[in-house]
Structure formats: C-alpha cells, structure tokens
Amino acid sequence: MTGFDAVILANGLFPTAEEPLRLLREARYVVCCDGAARHWLQCDAIVGDGDSVPEELRNRLIQIDEQEDNDLTKATRYCLSKGMRRIVYLGTTGRREDHTLGNISLMVRYAREMGVEPLMATDEGWFVVSKGEASFESFTGQQVSIFNVDCRQLSSEGLKWASYPYNQLWQGTLNEALGSVFTLKGDGYYLVYRTYLPK
C-alpha cells in the first residue's frame, strides 16, 4: 500500500493499528474532514463547514457550506481539484454505524463516478474497489470478504470458497485466501476487504 497521492482523515475513530498510522505518517498530503483536524495537527488542509476547527488551524480551512454531500465527499472533491486521485481514507469507521456503512459504500461511488482509486484502511484491514478481472496480493489464511456491487457474473481463484454474483451483502463475507494471490473475475464493480493478519 504505497504510492498514494493523499490521505483523507475522517472524524470517526482515530486509527491505532500500525498500518493505517504508517500510511498517515508517510502521506504526501493530508486532508482532514473538519473535526478530524484536532487529531492530526500537521494536516495540509481541512475541508468542511468549519464548525469544529480549532482557531489555530483555521488558516488551513477550505470552507464548503453546502449540505448535499458529507465532509468525506467534499474532501474527495478537493483532492480531485488538486489532481490527486489515488486516495487513502482513514478514520472512516467507528462511532456511528450508519456513518461507517455510508463511508464504506462511498468508496464505490468515488471509484465509479469520480475516477478515484480509493483505499480505506481500518485498524483490522482494508477495502479496495475493483472492476472486471483483478488479482490481489494475499497470504495463506488471510480473511477476505467480497461485496458485489453490480456484477451479474463473478468468480474467483485462490480463495477457499468459490465466489459467485452475490445478491446479498453478507454472502461474500468470511472467505479465506489460500496463498500469495487470489483473482476475481466480474463483469462489474465489487468491493474487496482483506485483513492485515491471518485468522
């Protein structure tokens, strides 16, 4: 997980695991969603309505008052305006479950509608959005979940249980990698979650 243009830090639970913290420390550019700036004072920009930005950081605020999109989407649009498309999302889970589910589903929107290459890292693993045929680095025993977005055909190689075009969110969860790589073949978009550690 290297070579990303920017990290967007949302105002969910601040990461504590080594992998997301490493991504934050090594980021070329960090955009905080409004209140998240309190947790990462060295951010390059803060995007939101500014209602919870500390006074000493207000000079970095990119104030966007419209309420159609959430701060995560506003921060994503800001990164796109700067030519940054490979984006890592941190602090997007925890606290409210509806926000967590909404933020995860936004990864698909950003990829499909905005041309973003999103990676969402949590304390346990990471989500990526893919389309068509794609191979994924893995290791034996890595826990893998696949969430079908719009595939009518979906198959896999290198996973313990064969994938198919799931029509329920839970159906592609709790799979397991058999080796150093697995491949998915679909005719649309799908979301893949992989853990950092084996079961």
C-alpha atoms as a PDB file:
ATOM      1  CA  MET A   1       0.000   0.000   0.000  1.00  0.00           C
ATOM      2  CA  THR A   2       2.291   2.712  -1.280  1.00  0.00           C
ATOM      3  CA  GLY A   3       2.338   5.463  -3.861  1.00  0.00           C
ATOM      4  CA  PHE A   4      -0.865   7.251  -2.922  1.00  0.00           C
ATOM      5  CA  ASP A   5      -1.414  10.930  -3.697  1.00  0.00           C
ATOM      6  CA  ALA A   6      -3.185  11.864  -0.476  1.00  0.00           C
ATOM      7  CA  VAL A   7      -4.716  10.679   2.778  1.00  0.00           C
ATOM      8  CA  ILE A   8      -8.138  11.878   3.857  1.00  0.00           C
ATOM      9  CA  LEU A   9      -8.661  11.620   7.616  1.00  0.00           C
ATOM     10  CA  ALA A  10     -12.323  11.496   8.612  1.00  0.00           C
ATOM     11  CA  ASN A  11     -13.744  12.184  12.049  1.00  0.00           C
ATOM     12  CA  GLY A  12     -14.533   8.587  13.004  1.00  0.00           C
ATOM     13  CA  LEU A  13     -12.329   6.667  15.403  1.00  0.00           C
ATOM     14  CA  PHE A  14      -8.702   7.739  15.020  1.00  0.00           C
ATOM     15  CA  PRO A  15      -6.592   4.754  13.859  1.00  0.00           C
ATOM     16  CA  THR A  16      -4.471   2.887  16.373  1.00  0.00           C
ATOM     17  CA  ALA A  17      -3.083  -0.018  14.290  1.00  0.00           C
ATOM     18  CA  GLU A  18       0.371   0.252  12.762  1.00  0.00           C
ATOM     19  CA  GLU A  19      -0.650   0.016   9.083  1.00  0.00           C
ATOM     20  CA  PRO A  20      -3.091   2.960   8.975  1.00  0.00           C
ATOM     21  CA  LEU A  21      -0.788   5.008  11.216  1.00  0.00           C
ATOM     22  CA  ARG A  22       2.111   4.309   8.841  1.00  0.00           C
ATOM     23  CA  LEU A  23       0.006   5.474   5.898  1.00  0.00           C
ATOM     24  CA  LEU A  24      -0.801   8.677   7.783  1.00  0.00           C
ATOM     25  CA  ARG A  25       2.814   9.340   8.801  1.00  0.00           C
ATOM     26  CA  GLU A  26       4.162   8.717   5.285  1.00  0.00           C
ATOM     27  CA  ALA A  27       1.417  10.606   3.425  1.00  0.00           C
ATOM     28  CA  ARG A  28       2.480  13.174   0.834  1.00  0.00           C
ATOM     29  CA  TYR A  29      -0.583  15.287   1.594  1.00  0.00           C
ATOM     30  CA  VAL A  30      -3.202  15.014   4.367  1.00  0.00           C
ATOM     31  CA  VAL A  31      -6.699  16.466   4.186  1.00  0.00           C
ATOM     32  CA  CYS A  32      -8.731  16.399   7.389  1.00  0.00           C
ATOM     33  CA  CYS A  33     -12.506  16.401   7.459  1.00  0.00           C
ATOM     34  CA  ASP A  34     -13.435  19.274   9.755  1.00  0.00           C
ATOM     35  CA  GLY A  35     -13.274  17.879  13.340  1.00  0.00           C
ATOM     36  CA  ALA A  36     -10.556  15.326  12.492  1.00  0.00           C
ATOM     37  CA  ALA A  37      -8.010  18.158  12.413  1.00  0.00           C
ATOM     38  CA  ARG A  38      -7.957  18.076  16.221  1.00  0.00           C
ATOM     39  CA  HIS A  39      -6.306  14.650  15.996  1.00  0.00           C
ATOM     40  CA  TRP A  40      -3.724  15.426  13.283  1.00  0.00           C
ATOM     41  CA  LEU A  41      -2.491  18.980  13.684  1.00  0.00           C
ATOM     42  CA  GLN A  42       0.082  18.666  10.876  1.00  0.00           C
ATOM     43  CA  CYS A  43      -2.598  18.291   8.177  1.00  0.00           C
ATOM     44  CA  ASP A  44      -2.162  20.233   4.937  1.00  0.00           C
ATOM     45  CA  ALA A  45      -5.813  21.226   4.519  1.00  0.00           C
ATOM     46  CA  ILE A  46      -9.120  20.985   6.382  1.00  0.00           C
ATOM     47  CA  VAL A  47     -12.355  20.621   4.433  1.00  0.00           C
ATOM     48  CA  GLY A  48     -15.837  21.211   5.800  1.00  0.00           C
ATOM     49  CA  ASP A  49     -18.107  23.876   7.190  1.00  0.00           C
ATOM     50  CA  GLY A  50     -15.530  24.790   9.849  1.00  0.00           C
ATOM     51  CA  ASP A  51     -17.817  24.434  12.839  1.00  0.00           C
ATOM     52  CA  SER A  52     -15.343  22.308  14.805  1.00  0.00           C
ATOM     53  CA  VAL A  53     -11.935  23.512  13.569  1.00  0.00           C
ATOM     54  CA  PRO A  54      -9.561  24.806  16.272  1.00  0.00           C
ATOM     55  CA  GLU A  55      -8.800  28.516  15.930  1.00  0.00           C
ATOM     56  CA  GLU A  56      -5.074  27.921  15.376  1.00  0.00           C
ATOM     57  CA  LEU A  57      -5.837  25.768  12.291  1.00  0.00           C
ATOM     58  CA  ARG A  58      -8.445  27.970  10.628  1.00  0.00           C
ATOM     59  CA  ASN A  59      -5.883  29.282   8.120  1.00  0.00           C
ATOM     60  CA  ARG A  60      -5.897  25.781   6.548  1.00  0.00           C
ATOM     61  CA  LEU A  61      -9.692  25.585   6.305  1.00  0.00           C
ATOM     62  CA  ILE A  62     -11.292  25.124   2.891  1.00  0.00           C
ATOM     63  CA  GLN A  63     -14.822  26.079   3.886  1.00  0.00           C
ATOM     64  CA  ILE A  64     -17.608  24.364   1.954  1.00  0.00           C
ATOM     65  CA  ASP A  65     -21.045  25.060   3.367  1.00  0.00           C
ATOM     66  CA  GLU A  66     -23.277  23.052   1.006  1.00  0.00           C
ATOM     67  CA  GLN A  67     -25.084  20.157   2.689  1.00  0.00           C
ATOM     68  CA  GLU A  68     -25.725  17.882  -0.301  1.00  0.00           C
ATOM     69  CA  ASP A  69     -22.547  15.859   0.344  1.00  0.00           C
ATOM     70  CA  ASN A  70     -20.809  14.886   3.568  1.00  0.00           C
ATOM     71  CA  ASP A  71     -17.344  16.133   4.542  1.00  0.00           C
ATOM     72  CA  LEU A  72     -15.702  12.954   3.208  1.00  0.00           C
ATOM     73  CA  THR A  73     -17.063  13.659  -0.268  1.00  0.00           C
ATOM     74  CA  LYS A  74     -16.166  17.346  -0.029  1.00  0.00           C
ATOM     75  CA  ALA A  75     -12.593  16.370   0.894  1.00  0.00           C
ATOM     76  CA  THR A  76     -12.516  13.930  -2.027  1.00  0.00           C
ATOM     77  CA  ARG A  77     -13.649  16.626  -4.459  1.00  0.00           C
ATOM     78  CA  TYR A  78     -10.971  18.939  -3.066  1.00  0.00           C
ATOM     79  CA  CYS A  79      -8.280  16.298  -3.694  1.00  0.00           C
ATOM     80  CA  LEU A  80      -9.575  15.776  -7.229  1.00  0.00           C
ATOM     81  CA  SER A  81      -9.369  19.525  -7.855  1.00  0.00           C
ATOM     82  CA  LYS A  82      -5.655  19.249  -6.991  1.00  0.00           C
ATOM     83  CA  GLY A  83      -5.149  16.329  -9.398  1.00  0.00           C
ATOM     84  CA  MET A  84      -4.979  13.708  -6.630  1.00  0.00           C
ATOM     85  CA  ARG A  85      -6.864  10.507  -7.499  1.00  0.00           C
ATOM     86  CA  ARG A  86      -5.082   7.749  -5.535  1.00  0.00           C
ATOM     87  CA  ILE A  87      -6.541   8.412  -2.095  1.00  0.00           C
ATOM     88  CA  VAL A  88      -6.295   6.575   1.238  1.00  0.00           C
ATOM     89  CA  TYR A  89      -9.239   7.033   3.612  1.00  0.00           C
ATOM     90  CA  LEU A  90      -8.638   6.765   7.373  1.00  0.00           C
ATOM     91  CA  GLY A  91     -10.849   7.383  10.400  1.00  0.00           C
ATOM     92  CA  THR A  92     -13.935   6.452   8.404  1.00  0.00           C
ATOM     93  CA  THR A  93     -15.277   3.746  10.749  1.00  0.00           C
ATOM     94  CA  GLY A  94     -16.246   3.524  14.396  1.00  0.00           C
ATOM     95  CA  ARG A  95     -18.587   5.782  16.341  1.00  0.00           C
ATOM     96  CA  ARG A  96     -21.904   5.658  14.448  1.00  0.00           C
ATOM     97  CA  GLU A  97     -22.621   2.505  12.465  1.00  0.00           C
ATOM     98  CA  ASP A  98     -24.718   4.339   9.861  1.00  0.00           C
ATOM     99  CA  HIS A  99     -21.764   6.627   9.111  1.00  0.00           C
ATOM    100  CA  THR A 100     -19.472   3.597   8.868  1.00  0.00           C
ATOM    101  CA  LEU A 101     -21.717   1.842   6.353  1.00  0.00           C
ATOM    102  CA  GLY A 102     -22.239   5.049   4.403  1.00  0.00           C
ATOM    103  CA  ASN A 103     -18.495   5.767   4.220  1.00  0.00           C
ATOM    104  CA  ILE A 104     -17.696   2.241   3.029  1.00  0.00           C
ATOM    105  CA  SER A 105     -20.335   2.463   0.293  1.00  0.00           C
ATOM    106  CA  LEU A 106     -18.983   5.855  -0.795  1.00  0.00           C
ATOM    107  CA  MET A 107     -15.753   4.141  -1.919  1.00  0.00           C
ATOM    108  CA  VAL A 108     -17.737   2.609  -4.797  1.00  0.00           C
ATOM    109  CA  ARG A 109     -19.260   5.968  -5.706  1.00  0.00           C
ATOM    110  CA  TYR A 110     -15.841   7.630  -5.750  1.00  0.00           C
ATOM    111  CA  ALA A 111     -14.400   4.928  -7.999  1.00  0.00           C
ATOM    112  CA  ARG A 112     -17.340   4.634 -10.362  1.00  0.00           C
ATOM    113  CA  GLU A 113     -18.452   8.256 -10.677  1.00  0.00           C
ATOM    114  CA  MET A 114     -15.313  10.280  -9.905  1.00  0.00           C
ATOM    115  CA  GLY A 115     -12.421   8.145 -11.165  1.00  0.00           C
ATOM    116  CA  VAL A 116     -10.819   7.879  -7.722  1.00  0.00           C
ATOM    117  CA  GLU A 117      -8.619   4.897  -6.810  1.00  0.00           C
ATOM    118  CA  PRO A 118      -9.745   4.590  -3.171  1.00  0.00           C
ATOM    119  CA  LEU A 119      -8.262   2.528  -0.385  1.00  0.00           C
ATOM    120  CA  MET A 120      -9.980   2.575   3.010  1.00  0.00           C
ATOM    121  CA  ALA A 121      -7.731   1.355   5.830  1.00  0.00           C
ATOM    122  CA  THR A 122      -9.148   0.453   9.247  1.00  0.00           C
ATOM    123  CA  ASP A 123      -7.472  -0.999  12.325  1.00  0.00           C
ATOM    124  CA  GLU A 124      -8.196  -4.561  11.118  1.00  0.00           C
ATOM    125  CA  GLY A 125      -7.779  -4.442   7.341  1.00  0.00           C
ATOM    126  CA  TRP A 126      -8.536  -2.511   4.199  1.00  0.00           C
ATOM    127  CA  PHE A 127     -11.164  -2.095   1.490  1.00  0.00           C
ATOM    128  CA  VAL A 128     -10.468  -1.559  -2.218  1.00  0.00           C
ATOM    129  CA  VAL A 129     -12.873  -1.144  -5.117  1.00  0.00           C
ATOM    130  CA  SER A 130     -12.278  -3.168  -8.251  1.00  0.00           C
ATOM    131  CA  LYS A 131     -13.920  -3.905 -11.581  1.00  0.00           C
ATOM    132  CA  GLY A 132     -13.658  -6.715 -14.091  1.00  0.00           C
ATOM    133  CA  GLU A 133     -10.726  -9.101 -13.599  1.00  0.00           C
ATOM    134  CA  ALA A 134      -8.201  -8.249 -10.890  1.00  0.00           C
ATOM    135  CA  SER A 135      -5.573 -10.039  -8.817  1.00  0.00           C
ATOM    136  CA  PHE A 136      -4.902  -9.259  -5.170  1.00  0.00           C
ATOM    137  CA  GLU A 137      -1.820  -9.856  -3.059  1.00  0.00           C
ATOM    138  CA  SER A 138      -2.625 -12.070  -0.102  1.00  0.00           C
ATOM    139  CA  PHE A 139      -1.211 -14.720   2.220  1.00  0.00           C
ATOM    140  CA  THR A 140      -2.402 -18.100   3.379  1.00  0.00           C
ATOM    141  CA  GLY A 141      -5.120 -17.673   5.962  1.00  0.00           C
ATOM    142  CA  GLN A 142      -5.848 -14.021   5.156  1.00  0.00           C
ATOM    143  CA  GLN A 143      -9.517 -13.286   5.756  1.00  0.00           C
ATOM    144  CA  VAL A 144     -11.265 -11.915   2.676  1.00  0.00           C
ATOM    145  CA  SER A 145     -14.756 -10.538   2.106  1.00  0.00           C
ATOM    146  CA  ILE A 146     -16.226  -9.597  -1.255  1.00  0.00           C
ATOM    147  CA  PHE A 147     -19.204  -7.275  -1.633  1.00  0.00           C
ATOM    148  CA  ASN A 148     -20.831  -7.406  -5.049  1.00  0.00           C
ATOM    149  CA  VAL A 149     -21.994  -4.046  -6.383  1.00  0.00           C
ATOM    150  CA  ASP A 150     -23.404  -4.729  -9.835  1.00  0.00           C
ATOM    151  CA  CYS A 151     -21.795  -7.918 -11.200  1.00  0.00           C
ATOM    152  CA  ARG A 152     -24.065 -10.418 -12.912  1.00  0.00           C
ATOM    153  CA  GLN A 153     -21.040 -12.711 -13.318  1.00  0.00           C
ATOM    154  CA  LEU A 154     -18.436 -13.122 -10.573  1.00  0.00           C
ATOM    155  CA  SER A 155     -15.928 -15.919  -9.978  1.00  0.00           C
ATOM    156  CA  SER A 156     -12.699 -16.419  -8.050  1.00  0.00           C
ATOM    157  CA  GLU A 157      -9.428 -18.347  -7.999  1.00  0.00           C
ATOM    158  CA  GLY A 158      -7.251 -18.762  -4.914  1.00  0.00           C
ATOM    159  CA  LEU A 159      -9.983 -18.476  -2.284  1.00  0.00           C
ATOM    160  CA  LYS A 160     -11.232 -21.238  -0.003  1.00  0.00           C
ATOM    161  CA  TRP A 161     -14.840 -20.856  -1.194  1.00  0.00           C
ATOM    162  CA  ALA A 162     -15.758 -20.076  -4.795  1.00  0.00           C
ATOM    163  CA  SER A 163     -17.231 -16.655  -5.429  1.00  0.00           C
ATOM    164  CA  TYR A 164     -20.440 -16.084  -7.358  1.00  0.00           C
ATOM    165  CA  PRO A 165     -22.542 -12.983  -8.143  1.00  0.00           C
ATOM    166  CA  TYR A 166     -23.783 -12.412  -4.596  1.00  0.00           C
ATOM    167  CA  ASN A 167     -27.118 -10.622  -4.291  1.00  0.00           C
ATOM    168  CA  GLN A 168     -26.937 -10.080  -0.517  1.00  0.00           C
ATOM    169  CA  LEU A 169     -24.224  -8.106   1.316  1.00  0.00           C
ATOM    170  CA  TRP A 170     -23.394 -10.949   3.723  1.00  0.00           C
ATOM    171  CA  GLN A 171     -22.976 -13.680   1.108  1.00  0.00           C
ATOM    172  CA  GLY A 172     -19.378 -12.870   0.124  1.00  0.00           C
ATOM    173  CA  THR A 173     -18.071 -12.385   3.658  1.00  0.00           C
ATOM    174  CA  LEU A 174     -15.787 -14.672   5.690  1.00  0.00           C
ATOM    175  CA  ASN A 175     -13.782 -16.160   2.839  1.00  0.00           C
ATOM    176  CA  GLU A 176     -10.081 -17.016   3.096  1.00  0.00           C
ATOM    177  CA  ALA A 177      -7.029 -16.735   0.840  1.00  0.00           C
ATOM    178  CA  LEU A 178      -5.167 -19.956   0.035  1.00  0.00           C
ATOM    179  CA  GLY A 179      -1.839 -18.422  -0.974  1.00  0.00           C
ATOM    180  CA  SER A 180       0.054 -15.321  -2.071  1.00  0.00           C
ATOM    181  CA  VAL A 181      -2.514 -14.124  -4.603  1.00  0.00           C
ATOM    182  CA  PHE A 182      -6.172 -14.541  -5.454  1.00  0.00           C
ATOM    183  CA  THR A 183      -8.071 -13.429  -8.544  1.00  0.00           C
ATOM    184  CA  LEU A 184     -11.605 -12.204  -9.041  1.00  0.00           C
ATOM    185  CA  LYS A 185     -13.370 -12.048 -12.401  1.00  0.00           C
ATOM    186  CA  GLY A 186     -16.529  -9.986 -12.697  1.00  0.00           C
ATOM    187  CA  ASP A 187     -18.476  -8.021 -15.241  1.00  0.00           C
ATOM    188  CA  GLY A 188     -18.932  -5.003 -12.985  1.00  0.00           C
ATOM    189  CA  TYR A 189     -17.808  -3.432  -9.701  1.00  0.00           C
ATOM    190  CA  TYR A 190     -17.142  -5.149  -6.382  1.00  0.00           C
ATOM    191  CA  LEU A 191     -15.599  -4.179  -3.066  1.00  0.00           C
ATOM    192  CA  VAL A 192     -12.858  -6.338  -1.521  1.00  0.00           C
ATOM    193  CA  TYR A 193     -11.852  -6.387   2.162  1.00  0.00           C
ATOM    194  CA  ARG A 194      -8.636  -8.068   3.360  1.00  0.00           C
ATOM    195  CA  THR A 195      -7.324  -8.371   6.900  1.00  0.00           C
ATOM    196  CA  TYR A 196      -3.759  -7.495   7.910  1.00  0.00           C
ATOM    197  CA  LEU A 197      -3.406 -10.689   9.956  1.00  0.00           C
ATOM    198  CA  PRO A 198      -4.480 -14.311   9.389  1.00  0.00           C
ATOM    199  CA  LYS A 199      -7.398 -15.845  11.239  1.00  0.00           C
END
